[in-house]
Amino acid sequence: MKRMIACLLVIFIASFSYAQHFKFMGVEINGSATSFESKLKQKGFETEYVEFFFERLPVGLRGKYEGHNVAVYYECTPKTELVFAVQLQFSDSGEASAKKKVFGDICRVVEKKYPRYRKDITSSSIVDYFVSDGSEGQINVDMSKEKVYVTFYDKANSLLFRQEDNQ
C-alpha cells in the first residue's frame, strides 16, 4: 500500500512538473525575465529605453504583433521571479476609429488562434478569453480611452504570483 501511494505521488509530481505553460508568440510565459526577454528578441523585438536623468533605462520591448506596432511589458512573481503575465500596448491605436479596428482585429485573432476558449464580455471595450488548449491561460483585450491593451496570463504562474504576493 505504501509503495502504491509513493508511486502515485511520484506520478502526480512528475505530471505537475511537466505542465505546459501558456504561450505568447510561441514563447512560454514562464522562466526568468532575462530568458523570456531573450526569446522575444530572437523573434525581432528590441529593448525600449526611457531617459531618466542622465541614464537610459530599459523598460520593456518594442516590436510587431499581428502586424501592429506594440510595446511589450511583462510581470514576474515576487519571490521566484518567474514571468506570469505579458502585456501589449498597441501604439497605432490612438484615434477612436483606429482603436476600434485594432480591438476587433485582436479579438478575431484570439478567437482564431485559440479555438477552445470561454469568452466573457465585461463591456463593449473589455473582453476576457479563458483558454484551455493543453495549457491554460487568460487573455484580456481592453480598449481604454487612450489605447488598446492585450494581456496574456499563464494560469499556473498567476496562481504562484497570488501565493507569493500573500506571504
N, C-alpha and C. Protein backbone atom coordinates (compact mmCIF):
# COMPACT_ATOMS: atom_id res chain seq x y z
N MET A 1 0.82 -1.20 0.00
CA MET A 1 0.00 0.00 0.00
C MET A 1 0.87 1.26 0.00
N LYS A 2 1.94 1.24 0.82
CA LYS A 2 2.83 2.40 0.89
C LYS A 2 3.50 2.64 -0.46
N ARG A 3 3.89 1.52 -1.12
CA ARG A 3 4.54 1.65 -2.44
C ARG A 3 3.58 2.26 -3.46
N MET A 4 2.33 1.82 -3.40
CA MET A 4 1.34 2.34 -4.34
C MET A 4 1.12 3.84 -4.12
N ILE A 5 1.03 4.26 -2.89
CA ILE A 5 0.86 5.69 -2.59
C ILE A 5 2.09 6.47 -3.03
N ALA A 6 3.26 5.90 -2.78
CA ALA A 6 4.50 6.57 -3.20
C ALA A 6 4.55 6.69 -4.72
N CYS A 7 4.16 5.63 -5.42
CA CYS A 7 4.15 5.67 -6.89
C CYS A 7 3.17 6.72 -7.41
N LEU A 8 1.99 6.75 -6.82
CA LEU A 8 1.00 7.75 -7.24
C LEU A 8 1.50 9.17 -6.98
N LEU A 9 2.17 9.36 -5.87
CA LEU A 9 2.73 10.67 -5.53
C LEU A 9 3.79 11.08 -6.55
N VAL A 10 4.67 10.15 -6.92
CA VAL A 10 5.71 10.42 -7.92
C VAL A 10 5.08 10.77 -9.26
N ILE A 11 4.06 10.02 -9.66
CA ILE A 11 3.38 10.30 -10.94
C ILE A 11 2.73 11.67 -10.91
N PHE A 12 2.07 12.00 -9.80
CA PHE A 12 1.43 13.30 -9.67
C PHE A 12 2.46 14.43 -9.77
N ILE A 13 3.56 14.31 -9.05
CA ILE A 13 4.60 15.35 -9.07
C ILE A 13 5.21 15.47 -10.46
N ALA A 14 5.46 14.34 -11.09
CA ALA A 14 6.04 14.35 -12.43
C ALA A 14 5.10 15.01 -13.43
N SER A 15 3.82 14.70 -13.35
CA SER A 15 2.87 15.30 -14.30
C SER A 15 2.74 16.80 -14.05
N PHE A 16 2.80 17.22 -12.80
CA PHE A 16 2.71 18.65 -12.48
C PHE A 16 3.94 19.39 -12.99
N SER A 17 5.11 18.77 -12.86
CA SER A 17 6.34 19.46 -13.27
C SER A 17 6.45 19.57 -14.79
N TYR A 18 5.73 18.73 -15.53
CA TYR A 18 5.76 18.80 -16.98
C TYR A 18 4.58 19.57 -17.56
N ALA A 19 3.85 20.26 -16.72
CA ALA A 19 2.70 21.04 -17.18
C ALA A 19 3.16 22.09 -18.19
N GLN A 20 2.41 22.22 -19.24
CA GLN A 20 2.75 23.22 -20.24
C GLN A 20 2.27 24.58 -19.76
N HIS A 21 3.05 25.57 -20.07
CA HIS A 21 2.68 26.94 -19.73
C HIS A 21 2.07 27.60 -20.95
N PHE A 22 1.23 28.58 -20.70
CA PHE A 22 0.58 29.35 -21.76
C PHE A 22 1.67 30.06 -22.56
N LYS A 23 1.42 30.25 -23.84
CA LYS A 23 2.45 30.83 -24.70
C LYS A 23 2.00 32.15 -25.30
N PHE A 24 2.99 33.01 -25.51
CA PHE A 24 2.82 34.25 -26.25
C PHE A 24 3.79 34.18 -27.42
N MET A 25 3.27 34.17 -28.64
CA MET A 25 4.07 34.07 -29.86
C MET A 25 5.02 32.87 -29.82
N GLY A 26 4.54 31.77 -29.27
CA GLY A 26 5.34 30.54 -29.22
C GLY A 26 6.31 30.47 -28.07
N VAL A 27 6.37 31.50 -27.26
CA VAL A 27 7.29 31.54 -26.11
C VAL A 27 6.48 31.31 -24.84
N GLU A 28 6.87 30.31 -24.05
CA GLU A 28 6.17 30.03 -22.80
C GLU A 28 6.24 31.23 -21.86
N ILE A 29 5.12 31.53 -21.24
CA ILE A 29 5.07 32.60 -20.23
C ILE A 29 5.53 31.94 -18.93
N ASN A 30 6.83 31.86 -18.81
CA ASN A 30 7.47 31.16 -17.72
C ASN A 30 8.96 31.48 -17.76
N GLY A 31 9.66 31.14 -16.72
CA GLY A 31 11.10 31.35 -16.68
C GLY A 31 11.44 32.75 -16.21
N SER A 32 12.72 33.04 -16.19
CA SER A 32 13.20 34.34 -15.72
C SER A 32 12.90 35.42 -16.75
N ALA A 33 12.93 36.66 -16.29
CA ALA A 33 12.71 37.80 -17.18
C ALA A 33 13.78 37.84 -18.27
N THR A 34 15.01 37.56 -17.90
CA THR A 34 16.13 37.59 -18.86
C THR A 34 15.91 36.55 -19.95
N SER A 35 15.54 35.35 -19.56
CA SER A 35 15.31 34.27 -20.51
C SER A 35 14.12 34.61 -21.43
N PHE A 36 13.03 35.09 -20.85
CA PHE A 36 11.85 35.44 -21.61
C PHE A 36 12.16 36.55 -22.61
N GLU A 37 12.84 37.59 -22.14
CA GLU A 37 13.19 38.72 -23.00
C GLU A 37 14.10 38.27 -24.13
N SER A 38 15.05 37.40 -23.83
CA SER A 38 15.98 36.88 -24.85
C SER A 38 15.22 36.16 -25.96
N LYS A 39 14.23 35.35 -25.58
CA LYS A 39 13.44 34.61 -26.57
C LYS A 39 12.62 35.56 -27.44
N LEU A 40 12.10 36.63 -26.86
CA LEU A 40 11.34 37.60 -27.66
C LEU A 40 12.26 38.38 -28.59
N LYS A 41 13.47 38.65 -28.13
CA LYS A 41 14.43 39.34 -29.01
C LYS A 41 14.79 38.48 -30.22
N GLN A 42 14.81 37.17 -30.05
CA GLN A 42 15.04 36.26 -31.17
C GLN A 42 13.91 36.34 -32.19
N LYS A 43 12.75 36.80 -31.75
CA LYS A 43 11.60 36.95 -32.64
C LYS A 43 11.50 38.36 -33.22
N GLY A 44 12.54 39.19 -32.99
CA GLY A 44 12.58 40.51 -33.61
C GLY A 44 12.23 41.68 -32.71
N PHE A 45 11.94 41.44 -31.45
CA PHE A 45 11.64 42.55 -30.54
C PHE A 45 12.93 43.22 -30.11
N GLU A 46 12.86 44.51 -29.82
CA GLU A 46 14.03 45.28 -29.40
C GLU A 46 13.75 45.95 -28.06
N THR A 47 14.81 46.19 -27.30
CA THR A 47 14.67 46.83 -25.99
C THR A 47 14.19 48.27 -26.16
N GLU A 48 13.24 48.64 -25.34
CA GLU A 48 12.74 50.02 -25.32
C GLU A 48 13.36 50.71 -24.10
N TYR A 49 13.85 51.91 -24.30
CA TYR A 49 14.51 52.65 -23.21
C TYR A 49 13.74 53.91 -22.88
N VAL A 50 13.94 54.40 -21.66
CA VAL A 50 13.40 55.68 -21.24
C VAL A 50 14.56 56.49 -20.66
N GLU A 51 14.53 57.79 -20.92
CA GLU A 51 15.56 58.67 -20.37
C GLU A 51 15.18 59.03 -18.94
N PHE A 52 16.08 58.77 -18.01
CA PHE A 52 15.84 59.08 -16.61
C PHE A 52 17.07 59.81 -16.09
N PHE A 53 16.92 61.09 -15.87
CA PHE A 53 18.04 61.97 -15.54
C PHE A 53 19.09 61.83 -16.64
N PHE A 54 20.24 61.25 -16.34
CA PHE A 54 21.29 61.15 -17.35
C PHE A 54 21.52 59.71 -17.79
N GLU A 55 20.55 58.85 -17.53
CA GLU A 55 20.69 57.44 -17.88
C GLU A 55 19.58 57.01 -18.83
N ARG A 56 19.91 56.00 -19.64
CA ARG A 56 18.89 55.34 -20.47
C ARG A 56 18.58 54.02 -19.79
N LEU A 57 17.35 53.87 -19.31
CA LEU A 57 16.97 52.66 -18.59
C LEU A 57 16.03 51.80 -19.43
N PRO A 58 16.28 50.49 -19.46
CA PRO A 58 15.37 49.61 -20.21
C PRO A 58 14.04 49.47 -19.48
N VAL A 59 12.94 49.59 -20.21
CA VAL A 59 11.62 49.49 -19.58
C VAL A 59 10.74 48.40 -20.19
N GLY A 60 11.14 47.86 -21.30
CA GLY A 60 10.33 46.84 -21.96
C GLY A 60 10.88 46.56 -23.34
N LEU A 61 10.01 46.08 -24.21
CA LEU A 61 10.42 45.74 -25.57
C LEU A 61 9.47 46.40 -26.57
N ARG A 62 9.94 46.56 -27.80
CA ARG A 62 9.12 47.07 -28.90
C ARG A 62 9.21 46.09 -30.05
N GLY A 63 8.09 45.97 -30.76
CA GLY A 63 8.10 45.08 -31.92
C GLY A 63 6.73 45.06 -32.57
N LYS A 64 6.45 43.99 -33.30
CA LYS A 64 5.18 43.85 -34.01
C LYS A 64 4.46 42.61 -33.53
N TYR A 65 3.14 42.76 -33.40
CA TYR A 65 2.26 41.63 -33.09
C TYR A 65 1.10 41.70 -34.05
N GLU A 66 0.94 40.67 -34.85
CA GLU A 66 -0.14 40.61 -35.84
C GLU A 66 -0.18 41.85 -36.72
N GLY A 67 1.00 42.35 -37.10
CA GLY A 67 1.09 43.49 -38.00
C GLY A 67 0.97 44.84 -37.34
N HIS A 68 0.79 44.89 -36.05
CA HIS A 68 0.64 46.15 -35.31
C HIS A 68 1.89 46.43 -34.48
N ASN A 69 2.25 47.71 -34.39
CA ASN A 69 3.36 48.11 -33.52
C ASN A 69 2.92 48.01 -32.07
N VAL A 70 3.75 47.36 -31.24
CA VAL A 70 3.40 47.19 -29.83
C VAL A 70 4.61 47.44 -28.93
N ALA A 71 4.29 47.87 -27.72
CA ALA A 71 5.27 47.87 -26.63
C ALA A 71 4.91 46.65 -25.79
N VAL A 72 5.91 45.92 -25.33
CA VAL A 72 5.69 44.69 -24.56
C VAL A 72 6.26 44.87 -23.16
N TYR A 73 5.44 44.60 -22.18
CA TYR A 73 5.87 44.64 -20.78
C TYR A 73 5.51 43.30 -20.15
N TYR A 74 6.27 42.86 -19.18
CA TYR A 74 5.96 41.59 -18.53
C TYR A 74 6.09 41.75 -17.02
N GLU A 75 5.39 40.87 -16.31
CA GLU A 75 5.43 40.90 -14.85
C GLU A 75 5.93 39.56 -14.35
N CYS A 76 6.66 39.61 -13.22
CA CYS A 76 7.22 38.39 -12.63
C CYS A 76 6.68 38.20 -11.21
N THR A 77 6.70 36.95 -10.77
CA THR A 77 6.31 36.64 -9.40
C THR A 77 7.33 37.26 -8.44
N PRO A 78 6.91 37.71 -7.25
CA PRO A 78 7.81 38.45 -6.36
C PRO A 78 8.98 37.66 -5.78
N LYS A 79 8.80 36.37 -5.52
CA LYS A 79 9.89 35.61 -4.89
C LYS A 79 10.66 34.76 -5.87
N THR A 80 9.95 33.94 -6.65
CA THR A 80 10.64 33.04 -7.58
C THR A 80 11.03 33.76 -8.87
N GLU A 81 10.50 34.95 -9.07
CA GLU A 81 10.82 35.80 -10.23
C GLU A 81 10.58 35.11 -11.56
N LEU A 82 9.44 34.43 -11.67
CA LEU A 82 9.03 33.80 -12.92
C LEU A 82 8.04 34.70 -13.64
N VAL A 83 8.16 34.79 -14.94
CA VAL A 83 7.22 35.59 -15.73
C VAL A 83 5.84 34.94 -15.63
N PHE A 84 4.80 35.73 -15.34
CA PHE A 84 3.44 35.19 -15.28
C PHE A 84 2.47 35.97 -16.16
N ALA A 85 2.84 37.17 -16.61
CA ALA A 85 1.94 37.97 -17.44
C ALA A 85 2.74 38.77 -18.46
N VAL A 86 2.15 38.95 -19.63
CA VAL A 86 2.76 39.73 -20.71
C VAL A 86 1.70 40.70 -21.20
N GLN A 87 2.03 42.00 -21.20
CA GLN A 87 1.06 42.99 -21.67
C GLN A 87 1.58 43.67 -22.93
N LEU A 88 0.68 43.79 -23.90
CA LEU A 88 0.97 44.50 -25.15
C LEU A 88 0.21 45.82 -25.13
N GLN A 89 0.90 46.87 -25.51
CA GLN A 89 0.27 48.18 -25.66
C GLN A 89 0.40 48.55 -27.13
N PHE A 90 -0.72 48.70 -27.79
CA PHE A 90 -0.71 48.96 -29.24
C PHE A 90 -0.49 50.44 -29.51
N SER A 91 0.61 50.76 -30.21
CA SER A 91 0.97 52.15 -30.47
C SER A 91 0.09 52.80 -31.52
N ASP A 92 -0.42 51.99 -32.44
CA ASP A 92 -1.19 52.54 -33.56
C ASP A 92 -2.69 52.55 -33.27
N SER A 93 -3.04 52.75 -32.00
CA SER A 93 -4.46 52.72 -31.64
C SER A 93 -4.89 53.98 -30.90
N GLY A 94 -4.42 55.14 -31.35
CA GLY A 94 -4.74 56.38 -30.67
C GLY A 94 -6.12 56.94 -30.97
N GLU A 95 -6.47 57.06 -32.25
CA GLU A 95 -7.76 57.62 -32.62
C GLU A 95 -8.87 56.60 -32.40
N ALA A 96 -10.08 57.07 -32.18
CA ALA A 96 -11.22 56.18 -31.86
C ALA A 96 -11.43 55.11 -32.93
N SER A 97 -11.41 55.51 -34.20
CA SER A 97 -11.65 54.54 -35.27
C SER A 97 -10.51 53.51 -35.35
N ALA A 98 -9.29 53.97 -35.13
CA ALA A 98 -8.13 53.06 -35.15
C ALA A 98 -8.20 52.09 -33.98
N LYS A 99 -8.61 52.60 -32.81
CA LYS A 99 -8.73 51.73 -31.62
C LYS A 99 -9.76 50.64 -31.87
N LYS A 100 -10.91 50.99 -32.42
CA LYS A 100 -11.96 50.01 -32.66
C LYS A 100 -11.50 48.94 -33.65
N LYS A 101 -10.74 49.37 -34.67
CA LYS A 101 -10.22 48.41 -35.65
C LYS A 101 -9.23 47.46 -35.01
N VAL A 102 -8.28 47.99 -34.24
CA VAL A 102 -7.29 47.15 -33.57
C VAL A 102 -7.99 46.20 -32.60
N PHE A 103 -8.93 46.72 -31.82
CA PHE A 103 -9.68 45.91 -30.85
C PHE A 103 -10.36 44.73 -31.56
N GLY A 104 -11.06 45.03 -32.64
CA GLY A 104 -11.75 43.97 -33.41
C GLY A 104 -10.77 42.99 -34.02
N ASP A 105 -9.68 43.51 -34.60
CA ASP A 105 -8.65 42.64 -35.19
C ASP A 105 -8.11 41.65 -34.17
N ILE A 106 -7.77 42.15 -32.99
CA ILE A 106 -7.15 41.31 -31.97
C ILE A 106 -8.15 40.29 -31.44
N CYS A 107 -9.39 40.67 -31.24
CA CYS A 107 -10.41 39.70 -30.79
C CYS A 107 -10.55 38.57 -31.82
N ARG A 108 -10.56 38.93 -33.10
CA ARG A 108 -10.66 37.90 -34.15
C ARG A 108 -9.43 36.99 -34.16
N VAL A 109 -8.25 37.57 -33.98
CA VAL A 109 -7.01 36.78 -33.94
C VAL A 109 -7.06 35.79 -32.78
N VAL A 110 -7.45 36.25 -31.61
CA VAL A 110 -7.51 35.38 -30.43
C VAL A 110 -8.50 34.24 -30.68
N GLU A 111 -9.66 34.55 -31.21
CA GLU A 111 -10.67 33.53 -31.44
C GLU A 111 -10.24 32.51 -32.49
N LYS A 112 -9.45 32.94 -33.46
CA LYS A 112 -8.96 32.02 -34.48
C LYS A 112 -7.79 31.19 -33.95
N LYS A 113 -6.90 31.83 -33.22
CA LYS A 113 -5.69 31.17 -32.74
C LYS A 113 -5.97 30.20 -31.60
N TYR A 114 -6.96 30.50 -30.77
CA TYR A 114 -7.30 29.68 -29.62
C TYR A 114 -8.75 29.23 -29.73
N PRO A 115 -9.02 28.19 -30.51
CA PRO A 115 -10.41 27.79 -30.74
C PRO A 115 -11.12 27.26 -29.49
N ARG A 116 -10.38 26.82 -28.48
CA ARG A 116 -11.01 26.33 -27.25
C ARG A 116 -10.92 27.41 -26.19
N TYR A 117 -11.94 28.24 -26.14
CA TYR A 117 -11.94 29.35 -25.17
C TYR A 117 -13.36 29.56 -24.64
N ARG A 118 -13.40 30.23 -23.50
CA ARG A 118 -14.66 30.73 -22.95
C ARG A 118 -14.52 32.24 -22.93
N LYS A 119 -15.51 32.93 -23.42
CA LYS A 119 -15.43 34.37 -23.60
C LYS A 119 -16.35 35.08 -22.62
N ASP A 120 -15.80 36.05 -21.88
CA ASP A 120 -16.61 36.89 -21.00
C ASP A 120 -16.51 38.32 -21.50
N ILE A 121 -17.63 38.91 -21.84
CA ILE A 121 -17.64 40.29 -22.31
C ILE A 121 -18.07 41.15 -21.13
N THR A 122 -17.12 41.88 -20.56
CA THR A 122 -17.37 42.72 -19.40
C THR A 122 -18.10 43.99 -19.82
N SER A 123 -17.67 44.56 -20.95
CA SER A 123 -18.30 45.75 -21.51
C SER A 123 -18.00 45.76 -22.99
N SER A 124 -18.40 46.82 -23.67
CA SER A 124 -18.12 46.89 -25.11
C SER A 124 -16.64 47.11 -25.39
N SER A 125 -15.86 47.37 -24.34
CA SER A 125 -14.43 47.63 -24.56
C SER A 125 -13.51 46.68 -23.79
N ILE A 126 -14.07 45.67 -23.12
CA ILE A 126 -13.23 44.70 -22.40
C ILE A 126 -13.76 43.30 -22.67
N VAL A 127 -12.86 42.43 -23.15
CA VAL A 127 -13.21 41.03 -23.39
C VAL A 127 -12.15 40.16 -22.75
N ASP A 128 -12.58 39.16 -21.97
CA ASP A 128 -11.68 38.18 -21.38
C ASP A 128 -11.88 36.85 -22.06
N TYR A 129 -10.77 36.21 -22.46
CA TYR A 129 -10.81 34.87 -23.04
C TYR A 129 -10.11 33.94 -22.06
N PHE A 130 -10.79 32.87 -21.67
CA PHE A 130 -10.20 31.86 -20.81
C PHE A 130 -9.90 30.67 -21.71
N VAL A 131 -8.62 30.41 -21.93
CA VAL A 131 -8.17 29.46 -22.94
C VAL A 131 -7.73 28.16 -22.28
N SER A 132 -8.08 27.05 -22.89
CA SER A 132 -7.63 25.74 -22.45
C SER A 132 -7.28 24.95 -23.70
N ASP A 133 -6.00 24.94 -24.03
CA ASP A 133 -5.56 24.26 -25.26
C ASP A 133 -4.34 23.37 -24.98
N GLY A 134 -4.35 22.65 -23.90
CA GLY A 134 -3.18 21.87 -23.48
C GLY A 134 -2.44 22.62 -22.40
N SER A 135 -2.51 23.92 -22.46
CA SER A 135 -2.02 24.79 -21.39
C SER A 135 -3.22 25.66 -21.04
N GLU A 136 -3.14 26.32 -19.92
CA GLU A 136 -4.27 27.17 -19.55
C GLU A 136 -3.81 28.59 -19.31
N GLY A 137 -4.63 29.52 -19.76
CA GLY A 137 -4.30 30.92 -19.56
C GLY A 137 -5.49 31.80 -19.79
N GLN A 138 -5.25 33.07 -19.66
CA GLN A 138 -6.29 34.06 -19.88
C GLN A 138 -5.72 35.17 -20.75
N ILE A 139 -6.55 35.67 -21.64
CA ILE A 139 -6.17 36.80 -22.49
C ILE A 139 -7.21 37.88 -22.26
N ASN A 140 -6.75 39.05 -21.86
CA ASN A 140 -7.64 40.19 -21.62
C ASN A 140 -7.39 41.20 -22.73
N VAL A 141 -8.43 41.54 -23.48
CA VAL A 141 -8.35 42.56 -24.53
C VAL A 141 -9.12 43.76 -24.02
N ASP A 142 -8.45 44.90 -23.91
CA ASP A 142 -9.02 46.07 -23.25
C ASP A 142 -8.80 47.31 -24.12
N MET A 143 -9.89 47.97 -24.48
CA MET A 143 -9.80 49.22 -25.24
C MET A 143 -10.08 50.36 -24.26
N SER A 144 -9.02 51.00 -23.80
CA SER A 144 -9.18 52.11 -22.86
C SER A 144 -9.42 53.40 -23.64
N LYS A 145 -9.47 54.52 -22.94
CA LYS A 145 -9.65 55.81 -23.61
C LYS A 145 -8.46 56.14 -24.50
N GLU A 146 -7.27 55.67 -24.10
CA GLU A 146 -6.05 56.03 -24.83
C GLU A 146 -5.62 55.01 -25.88
N LYS A 147 -5.60 53.73 -25.50
CA LYS A 147 -5.03 52.72 -26.38
C LYS A 147 -5.73 51.38 -26.20
N VAL A 148 -5.28 50.42 -27.01
CA VAL A 148 -5.72 49.04 -26.84
C VAL A 148 -4.60 48.28 -26.14
N TYR A 149 -4.98 47.52 -25.13
CA TYR A 149 -4.03 46.70 -24.37
C TYR A 149 -4.48 45.25 -24.45
N VAL A 150 -3.53 44.34 -24.57
CA VAL A 150 -3.81 42.91 -24.51
C VAL A 150 -2.86 42.31 -23.49
N THR A 151 -3.42 41.56 -22.54
CA THR A 151 -2.59 40.93 -21.52
C THR A 151 -2.79 39.43 -21.56
N PHE A 152 -1.68 38.70 -21.62
CA PHE A 152 -1.67 37.24 -21.60
C PHE A 152 -1.24 36.80 -20.20
N TYR A 153 -2.01 35.92 -19.57
CA TYR A 153 -1.69 35.41 -18.23
C TYR A 153 -1.52 33.90 -18.30
N ASP A 154 -0.41 33.39 -17.76
CA ASP A 154 -0.25 31.95 -17.58
C ASP A 154 -0.96 31.57 -16.29
N LYS A 155 -1.84 30.57 -16.33
CA LYS A 155 -2.64 30.23 -15.15
C LYS A 155 -1.78 29.74 -13.98
N ALA A 156 -0.85 28.81 -14.25
CA ALA A 156 -0.04 28.24 -13.16
C ALA A 156 0.81 29.32 -12.48
N ASN A 157 1.47 30.16 -13.26
CA ASN A 157 2.32 31.18 -12.66
C ASN A 157 1.51 32.32 -12.05
N SER A 158 0.29 32.56 -12.55
CA SER A 158 -0.57 33.57 -11.92
C SER A 158 -0.99 33.11 -10.53
N LEU A 159 -1.28 31.81 -10.39
CA LEU A 159 -1.60 31.26 -9.07
C LEU A 159 -0.40 31.37 -8.14
N LEU A 160 0.79 31.09 -8.68
CA LEU A 160 2.02 31.22 -7.91
C LEU A 160 2.22 32.68 -7.46
N PHE A 161 1.95 33.61 -8.37
CA PHE A 161 2.05 35.04 -8.03
C PHE A 161 1.16 35.38 -6.83
N ARG A 162 -0.10 34.92 -6.87
CA ARG A 162 -1.03 35.20 -5.78
C ARG A 162 -0.53 34.61 -4.46
N GLN A 163 0.02 33.39 -4.52
CA GLN A 163 0.56 32.76 -3.30
C GLN A 163 1.71 33.58 -2.75
N GLU A 164 2.65 33.93 -3.61
CA GLU A 164 3.84 34.66 -3.15
C GLU A 164 3.49 36.07 -2.69
N ASP A 165 2.52 36.68 -3.35
CA ASP A 165 2.13 38.04 -3.01
C ASP A 165 1.43 38.10 -1.65
N ASN A 166 0.77 37.00 -1.26
CA ASN A 166 0.05 36.96 0.01
C ASN A 166 0.92 36.52 1.18
N GLN A 167 2.14 36.13 0.92
CA GLN A 167 3.03 35.66 2.01
C GLN A 167 3.80 36.79 2.63
